[in-house]
Amino acid sequence: MRHEADALALAARAGIPVVAYTLCQSLDEALAALHAHGGVVAVKGCTQDITHKSEAGLVRLGVQDEAALRQ
């Protein structure tokens, strides 16, 4: 089983349109991605071990600034 970022990359390589995303492995990378994407973003934990990320508290919607991202 793949995690979501792997699945999105695989779909994109197959020519399937996917949502813009950045896989981040540190807070600094997440901050850079927040600025690069601009506007409001969703932040999701990325793991193949948890199927329902929202139920595990690994999804934050409406993140629009550094303070919200750090939280």
PDB file of N, CA and C in Angstrom:
ATOM      1  N   MET A   1       0.845  -1.188   0.000  1.00  0.00           N
ATOM      2  CA  MET A   1       0.000   0.000   0.000  1.00  0.00           C
ATOM      3  C   MET A   1       0.886   1.246   0.000  1.00  0.00           C
ATOM      4  N   ARG A   2       0.513   2.241  -0.755  1.00  0.00           N
ATOM      5  CA  ARG A   2       1.263   3.492  -0.849  1.00  0.00           C
ATOM      6  C   ARG A   2       0.619   4.545   0.031  1.00  0.00           C
ATOM      7  N   HIS A   3       1.409   5.558   0.405  1.00  0.00           N
ATOM      8  CA  HIS A   3       0.795   6.691   1.079  1.00  0.00           C
ATOM      9  C   HIS A   3       0.291   7.657   0.012  1.00  0.00           C
ATOM     10  N   GLU A   4      -0.451   8.656   0.449  1.00  0.00           N
ATOM     11  CA  GLU A   4      -1.161   9.531  -0.479  1.00  0.00           C
ATOM     12  C   GLU A   4      -0.242  10.248  -1.463  1.00  0.00           C
ATOM     13  N   ALA A   5       0.906  10.727  -1.006  1.00  0.00           N
ATOM     14  CA  ALA A   5       1.816  11.448  -1.908  1.00  0.00           C
ATOM     15  C   ALA A   5       2.326  10.525  -3.008  1.00  0.00           C
ATOM     16  N   ASP A   6       2.635   9.271  -2.673  1.00  0.00           N
ATOM     17  CA  ASP A   6       3.052   8.309  -3.698  1.00  0.00           C
ATOM     18  C   ASP A   6       1.937   8.061  -4.701  1.00  0.00           C
ATOM     19  N   ALA A   7       0.710   7.922  -4.200  1.00  0.00           N
ATOM     20  CA  ALA A   7      -0.430   7.669  -5.080  1.00  0.00           C
ATOM     21  C   ALA A   7      -0.675   8.859  -6.005  1.00  0.00           C
ATOM     22  N   LEU A   8      -0.550  10.079  -5.485  1.00  0.00           N
ATOM     23  CA  LEU A   8      -0.734  11.273  -6.317  1.00  0.00           C
ATOM     24  C   LEU A   8       0.344  11.351  -7.397  1.00  0.00           C
ATOM     25  N   ALA A   9       1.579  11.064  -7.032  1.00  0.00           N
ATOM     26  CA  ALA A   9       2.669  11.096  -8.009  1.00  0.00           C
ATOM     27  C   ALA A   9       2.450  10.045  -9.098  1.00  0.00           C
ATOM     28  N   LEU A  10       2.019   8.864  -8.720  1.00  0.00           N
ATOM     29  CA  LEU A  10       1.747   7.798  -9.673  1.00  0.00           C
ATOM     30  C   LEU A  10       0.624   8.204 -10.629  1.00  0.00           C
ATOM     31  N   ALA A  11      -0.434   8.784 -10.086  1.00  0.00           N
ATOM     32  CA  ALA A  11      -1.547   9.242 -10.927  1.00  0.00           C
ATOM     33  C   ALA A  11      -1.086  10.336 -11.886  1.00  0.00           C
ATOM     34  N   ALA A  12      -0.299  11.275 -11.398  1.00  0.00           N
ATOM     35  CA  ALA A  12       0.190  12.363 -12.254  1.00  0.00           C
ATOM     36  C   ALA A  12       1.053  11.822 -13.391  1.00  0.00           C
ATOM     37  N   ARG A  13       1.916  10.855 -13.083  1.00  0.00           N
ATOM     38  CA  ARG A  13       2.761  10.251 -14.132  1.00  0.00           C
ATOM     39  C   ARG A  13       1.913   9.537 -15.183  1.00  0.00           C
ATOM     40  N   ALA A  14       0.740   9.073 -14.791  1.00  0.00           N
ATOM     41  CA  ALA A  14      -0.155   8.392 -15.726  1.00  0.00           C
ATOM     42  C   ALA A  14      -1.032   9.388 -16.495  1.00  0.00           C
ATOM     43  N   GLY A  15      -0.838  10.672 -16.252  1.00  0.00           N
ATOM     44  CA  GLY A  15      -1.583  11.692 -16.963  1.00  0.00           C
ATOM     45  C   GLY A  15      -2.911  12.057 -16.324  1.00  0.00           C
ATOM     46  N   ILE A  16      -3.140  11.595 -15.112  1.00  0.00           N
ATOM     47  CA  ILE A  16      -4.376  11.912 -14.400  1.00  0.00           C
ATOM     48  C   ILE A  16      -4.168  13.223 -13.638  1.00  0.00           C
ATOM     49  N   PRO A  17      -5.042  14.201 -13.813  1.00  0.00           N
ATOM     50  CA  PRO A  17      -4.886  15.467 -13.078  1.00  0.00           C
ATOM     51  C   PRO A  17      -4.999  15.234 -11.569  1.00  0.00           C
ATOM     52  N   VAL A  18      -4.111  15.839 -10.823  1.00  0.00           N
ATOM     53  CA  VAL A  18      -4.131  15.744  -9.364  1.00  0.00           C
ATOM     54  C   VAL A  18      -4.035  17.135  -8.768  1.00  0.00           C
ATOM     55  N   VAL A  19      -4.443  17.250  -7.523  1.00  0.00           N
ATOM     56  CA  VAL A  19      -4.356  18.508  -6.795  1.00  0.00           C
ATOM     57  C   VAL A  19      -2.874  18.841  -6.565  1.00  0.00           C
ATOM     58  N   ALA A  20      -2.551  20.119  -6.543  1.00  0.00           N
ATOM     59  CA  ALA A  20      -1.180  20.529  -6.243  1.00  0.00           C
ATOM     60  C   ALA A  20      -0.839  20.112  -4.812  1.00  0.00           C
ATOM     61  N   TYR A  21       0.337  19.546  -4.632  1.00  0.00           N
ATOM     62  CA  TYR A  21       0.746  19.100  -3.298  1.00  0.00           C
ATOM     63  C   TYR A  21       2.258  19.180  -3.181  1.00  0.00           C
ATOM     64  N   THR A  22       2.728  19.196  -1.957  1.00  0.00           N
ATOM     65  CA  THR A  22       4.154  19.129  -1.665  1.00  0.00           C
ATOM     66  C   THR A  22       4.327  18.194  -0.485  1.00  0.00           C
ATOM     67  N   LEU A  23       5.159  17.180  -0.633  1.00  0.00           N
ATOM     68  CA  LEU A  23       5.465  16.274   0.461  1.00  0.00           C
ATOM     69  C   LEU A  23       6.586  16.903   1.284  1.00  0.00           C
ATOM     70  N   CYS A  24       6.316  17.175   2.545  1.00  0.00           N
ATOM     71  CA  CYS A  24       7.276  17.843   3.426  1.00  0.00           C
ATOM     72  C   CYS A  24       7.692  16.889   4.537  1.00  0.00           C
ATOM     73  N   GLN A  25       8.960  16.969   4.900  1.00  0.00           N
ATOM     74  CA  GLN A  25       9.465  16.099   5.955  1.00  0.00           C
ATOM     75  C   GLN A  25      10.011  16.882   7.143  1.00  0.00           C
ATOM     76  N   SER A  26       9.761  18.183   7.148  1.00  0.00           N
ATOM     77  CA  SER A  26      10.190  19.011   8.278  1.00  0.00           C
ATOM     78  C   SER A  26       9.309  20.247   8.346  1.00  0.00           C
ATOM     79  N   LEU A  27       9.341  20.919   9.466  1.00  0.00           N
ATOM     80  CA  LEU A  27       8.591  22.161   9.607  1.00  0.00           C
ATOM     81  C   LEU A  27       9.085  23.202   8.614  1.00  0.00           C
ATOM     82  N   ASP A  28      10.391  23.298   8.427  1.00  0.00           N
ATOM     83  CA  ASP A  28      10.925  24.268   7.462  1.00  0.00           C
ATOM     84  C   ASP A  28      10.394  24.006   6.060  1.00  0.00           C
ATOM     85  N   GLU A  29      10.342  22.727   5.659  1.00  0.00           N
ATOM     86  CA  GLU A  29       9.801  22.392   4.345  1.00  0.00           C
ATOM     87  C   GLU A  29       8.319  22.740   4.264  1.00  0.00           C
ATOM     88  N   ALA A  30       7.583  22.509   5.337  1.00  0.00           N
ATOM     89  CA  ALA A  30       6.154  22.831   5.353  1.00  0.00           C
ATOM     90  C   ALA A  30       5.936  24.344   5.264  1.00  0.00           C
ATOM     91  N   LEU A  31       6.756  25.118   5.951  1.00  0.00           N
ATOM     92  CA  LEU A  31       6.646  26.579   5.876  1.00  0.00           C
ATOM     93  C   LEU A  31       6.944  27.073   4.467  1.00  0.00           C
ATOM     94  N   ALA A  32       7.969  26.511   3.838  1.00  0.00           N
ATOM     95  CA  ALA A  32       8.296  26.895   2.463  1.00  0.00           C
ATOM     96  C   ALA A  32       7.153  26.534   1.517  1.00  0.00           C
ATOM     97  N   ALA A  33       6.546  25.372   1.715  1.00  0.00           N
ATOM     98  CA  ALA A  33       5.428  24.950   0.866  1.00  0.00           C
ATOM     99  C   ALA A  33       4.216  25.848   1.072  1.00  0.00           C
ATOM    100  N   LEU A  34       3.961  26.231   2.308  1.00  0.00           N
ATOM    101  CA  LEU A  34       2.846  27.137   2.596  1.00  0.00           C
ATOM    102  C   LEU A  34       3.007  28.426   1.806  1.00  0.00           C
ATOM    103  N   HIS A  35       4.207  28.981   1.802  1.00  0.00           N
ATOM    104  CA  HIS A  35       4.455  30.228   1.077  1.00  0.00           C
ATOM    105  C   HIS A  35       4.404  30.007  -0.435  1.00  0.00           C
ATOM    106  N   ALA A  36       4.911  28.864  -0.893  1.00  0.00           N
ATOM    107  CA  ALA A  36       4.922  28.581  -2.335  1.00  0.00           C
ATOM    108  C   ALA A  36       3.512  28.385  -2.881  1.00  0.00           C
ATOM    109  N   HIS A  37       2.656  27.705  -2.133  1.00  0.00           N
ATOM    110  CA  HIS A  37       1.296  27.452  -2.599  1.00  0.00           C
ATOM    111  C   HIS A  37       0.420  28.685  -2.429  1.00  0.00           C
ATOM    112  N   GLY A  38       0.723  29.500  -1.418  1.00  0.00           N
ATOM    113  CA  GLY A  38      -0.053  30.715  -1.182  1.00  0.00           C
ATOM    114  C   GLY A  38      -1.493  30.403  -0.805  1.00  0.00           C
ATOM    115  N   GLY A  39      -2.170  31.378  -0.304  1.00  0.00           N
ATOM    116  CA  GLY A  39      -3.570  31.196   0.044  1.00  0.00           C
ATOM    117  C   GLY A  39      -3.784  30.245   1.200  1.00  0.00           C
ATOM    118  N   VAL A  40      -4.867  29.508   1.135  1.00  0.00           N
ATOM    119  CA  VAL A  40      -5.259  28.595   2.193  1.00  0.00           C
ATOM    120  C   VAL A  40      -4.933  27.168   1.751  1.00  0.00           C
ATOM    121  N   VAL A  41      -4.344  26.377   2.637  1.00  0.00           N
ATOM    122  CA  VAL A  41      -3.951  25.012   2.291  1.00  0.00           C
ATOM    123  C   VAL A  41      -4.525  24.008   3.285  1.00  0.00           C
ATOM    124  N   ALA A  42      -4.488  22.762   2.902  1.00  0.00           N
ATOM    125  CA  ALA A  42      -4.794  21.647   3.793  1.00  0.00           C
ATOM    126  C   ALA A  42      -3.471  20.995   4.163  1.00  0.00           C
ATOM    127  N   VAL A  43      -3.347  20.595   5.405  1.00  0.00           N
ATOM    128  CA  VAL A  43      -2.137  19.906   5.865  1.00  0.00           C
ATOM    129  C   VAL A  43      -2.574  18.518   6.318  1.00  0.00           C
ATOM    130  N   LYS A  44      -1.916  17.494   5.775  1.00  0.00           N
ATOM    131  CA  LYS A  44      -2.270  16.115   6.104  1.00  0.00           C
ATOM    132  C   LYS A  44      -1.027  15.355   6.523  1.00  0.00           C
ATOM    133  N   GLY A  45      -1.182  14.525   7.531  1.00  0.00           N
ATOM    134  CA  GLY A  45      -0.132  13.583   7.859  1.00  0.00           C
ATOM    135  C   GLY A  45      -0.046  12.572   6.727  1.00  0.00           C
ATOM    136  N   CYS A  46       1.140  12.109   6.416  1.00  0.00           N
ATOM    137  CA  CYS A  46       1.313  11.203   5.283  1.00  0.00           C
ATOM    138  C   CYS A  46       1.914   9.898   5.784  1.00  0.00           C
ATOM    139  N   THR A  47       1.082   8.877   5.845  1.00  0.00           N
ATOM    140  CA  THR A  47       1.540   7.568   6.285  1.00  0.00           C
ATOM    141  C   THR A  47       0.718   6.487   5.614  1.00  0.00           C
ATOM    142  N   GLN A  48       1.327   5.391   5.311  1.00  0.00           N
ATOM    143  CA  GLN A  48       0.584   4.274   4.739  1.00  0.00           C
ATOM    144  C   GLN A  48      -0.053   3.426   5.837  1.00  0.00           C
ATOM    145  N   ASP A  49       0.270   3.710   7.092  1.00  0.00           N
ATOM    146  CA  ASP A  49      -0.223   2.909   8.208  1.00  0.00           C
ATOM    147  C   ASP A  49      -1.605   3.323   8.702  1.00  0.00           C
ATOM    148  N   ILE A  50      -2.058   4.523   8.327  1.00  0.00           N
ATOM    149  CA  ILE A  50      -3.359   5.013   8.788  1.00  0.00           C
ATOM    150  C   ILE A  50      -4.220   5.328   7.573  1.00  0.00           C
ATOM    151  N   THR A  51      -5.313   4.619   7.416  1.00  0.00           N
ATOM    152  CA  THR A  51      -6.185   4.810   6.267  1.00  0.00           C
ATOM    153  C   THR A  51      -7.035   6.064   6.400  1.00  0.00           C
ATOM    154  N   HIS A  52      -7.610   6.283   7.557  1.00  0.00           N
ATOM    155  CA  HIS A  52      -8.520   7.404   7.770  1.00  0.00           C
ATOM    156  C   HIS A  52      -7.811   8.501   8.568  1.00  0.00           C
ATOM    157  N   LYS A  53      -7.069   9.343   7.848  1.00  0.00           N
ATOM    158  CA  LYS A  53      -6.255  10.369   8.504  1.00  0.00           C
ATOM    159  C   LYS A  53      -7.090  11.357   9.311  1.00  0.00           C
ATOM    160  N   SER A  54      -8.260  11.718   8.811  1.00  0.00           N
ATOM    161  CA  SER A  54      -9.078  12.697   9.536  1.00  0.00           C
ATOM    162  C   SER A  54      -9.541  12.138  10.879  1.00  0.00           C
ATOM    163  N   GLU A  55      -9.872  10.867  10.916  1.00  0.00           N
ATOM    164  CA  GLU A  55     -10.299  10.251  12.178  1.00  0.00           C
ATOM    165  C   GLU A  55      -9.154  10.165  13.187  1.00  0.00           C
ATOM    166  N   ALA A  56      -7.928  10.146  12.698  1.00  0.00           N
ATOM    167  CA  ALA A  56      -6.757  10.073  13.570  1.00  0.00           C
ATOM    168  C   ALA A  56      -6.232  11.464  13.930  1.00  0.00           C
ATOM    169  N   GLY A  57      -6.930  12.519  13.484  1.00  0.00           N
ATOM    170  CA  GLY A  57      -6.501  13.880  13.793  1.00  0.00           C
ATOM    171  C   GLY A  57      -5.316  14.352  12.972  1.00  0.00           C
ATOM    172  N   LEU A  58      -5.121  13.755  11.791  1.00  0.00           N
ATOM    173  CA  LEU A  58      -3.957  14.087  10.965  1.00  0.00           C
ATOM    174  C   LEU A  58      -4.281  15.008   9.788  1.00  0.00           C
ATOM    175  N   VAL A  59      -5.434  15.664   9.834  1.00  0.00           N
ATOM    176  CA  VAL A  59      -5.829  16.576   8.760  1.00  0.00           C
ATOM    177  C   VAL A  59      -6.223  17.917   9.350  1.00  0.00           C
ATOM    178  N   ARG A  60      -5.659  18.982   8.807  1.00  0.00           N
ATOM    179  CA  ARG A  60      -6.032  20.345   9.191  1.00  0.00           C
ATOM    180  C   ARG A  60      -6.388  21.097   7.919  1.00  0.00           C
ATOM    181  N   LEU A  61      -7.592  21.624   7.868  1.00  0.00           N
ATOM    182  CA  LEU A  61      -8.042  22.392   6.714  1.00  0.00           C
ATOM    183  C   LEU A  61      -8.002  23.882   7.043  1.00  0.00           C
ATOM    184  N   GLY A  62      -7.887  24.691   6.014  1.00  0.00           N
ATOM    185  CA  GLY A  62      -7.948  26.135   6.205  1.00  0.00           C
ATOM    186  C   GLY A  62      -6.696  26.744   6.814  1.00  0.00           C
ATOM    187  N   VAL A  63      -5.554  26.092   6.666  1.00  0.00           N
ATOM    188  CA  VAL A  63      -4.301  26.635   7.187  1.00  0.00           C
ATOM    189  C   VAL A  63      -3.865  27.764   6.262  1.00  0.00           C
ATOM    190  N   GLN A  64      -3.705  28.969   6.834  1.00  0.00           N
ATOM    191  CA  GLN A  64      -3.396  30.102   5.969  1.00  0.00           C
ATOM    192  C   GLN A  64      -2.213  30.943   6.432  1.00  0.00           C
ATOM    193  N   ASP A  65      -1.611  30.589   7.570  1.00  0.00           N
ATOM    194  CA  ASP A  65      -0.454  31.360   8.022  1.00  0.00           C
ATOM    195  C   ASP A  65       0.480  30.470   8.844  1.00  0.00           C
ATOM    196  N   GLU A  66       1.641  31.022   9.145  1.00  0.00           N
ATOM    197  CA  GLU A  66       2.663  30.252   9.863  1.00  0.00           C
ATOM    198  C   GLU A  66       2.193  29.806  11.240  1.00  0.00           C
ATOM    199  N   ALA A  67       1.449  30.666  11.940  1.00  0.00           N
ATOM    200  CA  ALA A  67       0.983  30.295  13.275  1.00  0.00           C
ATOM    201  C   ALA A  67       0.067  29.069  13.222  1.00  0.00           C
ATOM    202  N   ALA A  68      -0.844  29.051  12.252  1.00  0.00           N
ATOM    203  CA  ALA A  68      -1.749  27.898  12.108  1.00  0.00           C
ATOM    204  C   ALA A  68      -0.973  26.653  11.712  1.00  0.00           C
ATOM    205  N   LEU A  69       0.020  26.798  10.870  1.00  0.00           N
ATOM    206  CA  LEU A  69       0.822  25.646  10.452  1.00  0.00           C
ATOM    207  C   LEU A  69       1.611  25.084  11.634  1.00  0.00           C
ATOM    208  N   ARG A  70       2.204  25.952  12.419  1.00  0.00           N
ATOM    209  CA  ARG A  70       2.984  25.494  13.569  1.00  0.00           C
ATOM    210  C   ARG A  70       2.105  24.782  14.610  1.00  0.00           C
ATOM    211  N   GLN A  71       0.856  25.202  14.701  1.00  0.00           N
ATOM    212  CA  GLN A  71      -0.062  24.600  15.661  1.00  0.00           C
ATOM    213  C   GLN A  71      -0.356  23.177  15.271  1.00  0.00           C
TER     214      GLN A  71
END
